[in-house]
Amino acid sequence: MIGSEFLWPGRFHERPLVSSRKYARLVREWVQSIGPDPTSYGTHSMRRTKVAQIYRKTGNLRAVQLLLGQMKMDSTVRYLGVDLEDALSIAESVEL
């Protein structure tokens, strides 16, 4: 890819990005092609999985909050299904 080329360009020149419907269809087709039930996988579950892995590896709720574009840390904690005690212990372990 060169510079600003899109990985999945849209079909029309006035719309350079692929639509969310098309992206969802692509994900469903990819999942079907490798075998699992495509109803168990989707664009949202992939989004949640990525940030959950980032949280598990780093313990950085603030980074996850920024990546998700959420305004409140409480929303991020609920989204990840993180126990509040776990979140607080991670926050306390970071030295300033």
Protein backbone atom coordinates (compact mmCIF):
# COMPACT_ATOMS: atom_id res chain seq x y z
CA MET A 1 0.00 0.00 0.00
CA ILE A 2 1.12 3.53 -0.70
CA GLY A 3 0.39 6.43 1.63
CA SER A 4 -3.32 6.99 1.92
CA GLU A 5 -4.55 3.99 -0.09
CA PHE A 6 -7.35 2.12 1.64
CA LEU A 7 -7.05 -1.55 2.46
CA TRP A 8 -10.69 -2.07 1.45
CA PRO A 9 -11.72 0.68 -0.97
CA GLY A 10 -15.40 1.36 -1.57
CA ARG A 11 -17.16 0.67 -4.82
CA PHE A 12 -17.77 4.32 -5.65
CA HIS A 13 -15.25 7.13 -6.07
CA GLU A 14 -17.23 9.56 -3.94
CA ARG A 15 -17.16 7.00 -1.12
CA PRO A 16 -13.53 5.91 -0.72
CA LEU A 17 -14.16 3.63 2.27
CA VAL A 18 -15.94 0.31 2.38
CA SER A 19 -19.35 0.51 4.08
CA SER A 20 -19.95 -1.04 7.50
CA ARG A 21 -22.42 -3.48 5.90
CA LYS A 22 -19.84 -4.59 3.37
CA TYR A 23 -17.21 -4.97 6.10
CA ALA A 24 -19.61 -7.11 8.16
CA ARG A 25 -20.30 -9.24 5.09
CA LEU A 26 -16.54 -9.68 4.49
CA VAL A 27 -16.00 -10.77 8.10
CA ARG A 28 -18.88 -13.28 7.85
CA GLU A 29 -17.43 -14.70 4.62
CA TRP A 30 -13.92 -14.97 6.13
CA VAL A 31 -15.23 -16.80 9.16
CA GLN A 32 -17.29 -19.15 6.99
CA SER A 33 -14.24 -19.89 4.86
CA ILE A 34 -12.24 -21.19 7.83
CA GLY A 35 -15.05 -23.23 9.35
CA PRO A 36 -16.53 -21.78 12.57
CA ASP A 37 -20.15 -20.73 12.89
CA PRO A 38 -20.26 -17.17 11.48
CA THR A 39 -23.06 -16.18 13.86
CA SER A 40 -20.54 -16.46 16.72
CA TYR A 41 -18.23 -13.85 15.22
CA GLY A 42 -18.76 -10.31 14.07
CA THR A 43 -17.19 -6.90 13.76
CA HIS A 44 -18.22 -5.89 17.27
CA SER A 45 -16.91 -9.06 18.91
CA MET A 46 -13.59 -8.51 17.12
CA ARG A 47 -13.47 -4.95 18.48
CA ARG A 48 -14.14 -6.14 22.01
CA THR A 49 -11.61 -8.98 21.74
CA LYS A 50 -8.83 -6.63 20.64
CA VAL A 51 -9.27 -4.18 23.51
CA ALA A 52 -9.74 -7.02 26.01
CA GLN A 53 -6.36 -8.43 24.92
CA ILE A 54 -4.75 -4.99 25.22
CA TYR A 55 -6.17 -4.65 28.72
CA ARG A 56 -5.01 -8.14 29.79
CA LYS A 57 -1.49 -7.58 28.46
CA THR A 58 -1.01 -4.03 29.74
CA GLY A 59 -3.55 -3.49 32.52
CA ASN A 60 -3.96 -0.01 31.04
CA LEU A 61 -7.64 0.90 31.26
CA ARG A 62 -6.98 4.47 30.12
CA ALA A 63 -5.46 3.25 26.85
CA VAL A 64 -8.47 1.01 26.28
CA GLN A 65 -10.81 3.88 27.11
CA LEU A 66 -9.09 6.08 24.50
CA LEU A 67 -9.11 3.34 21.87
CA LEU A 68 -12.83 2.80 22.38
CA GLY A 69 -13.56 6.52 22.36
CA GLN A 70 -15.42 6.34 25.64
CA MET A 71 -15.78 9.36 27.89
CA LYS A 72 -16.19 7.59 31.25
CA MET A 73 -13.88 5.01 32.77
CA ASP A 74 -16.93 3.29 34.29
CA SER A 75 -18.24 2.63 30.77
CA THR A 76 -14.93 1.06 29.78
CA VAL A 77 -14.90 -1.15 32.86
CA ARG A 78 -18.47 -2.33 32.14
CA TYR A 79 -17.70 -2.86 28.44
CA LEU A 80 -14.74 -5.10 29.24
CA GLY A 81 -16.55 -6.88 32.05
CA VAL A 82 -13.72 -5.99 34.38
CA ASP A 83 -14.41 -6.32 38.08
CA LEU A 84 -14.06 -2.90 39.70
CA GLU A 85 -11.74 -4.32 42.37
CA ASP A 86 -9.45 -5.64 39.62
CA ALA A 87 -9.42 -2.25 37.92
CA LEU A 88 -8.61 -0.45 41.17
CA SER A 89 -5.80 -2.86 42.07
CA ILE A 90 -4.20 -2.29 38.67
CA ALA A 91 -4.53 1.46 39.05
CA GLU A 92 -2.96 1.30 42.52
CA SER A 93 -0.03 -0.78 41.27
CA VAL A 94 1.09 1.97 38.91
CA GLU A 95 3.67 4.18 40.58
CA LEU A 96 3.85 7.87 39.86
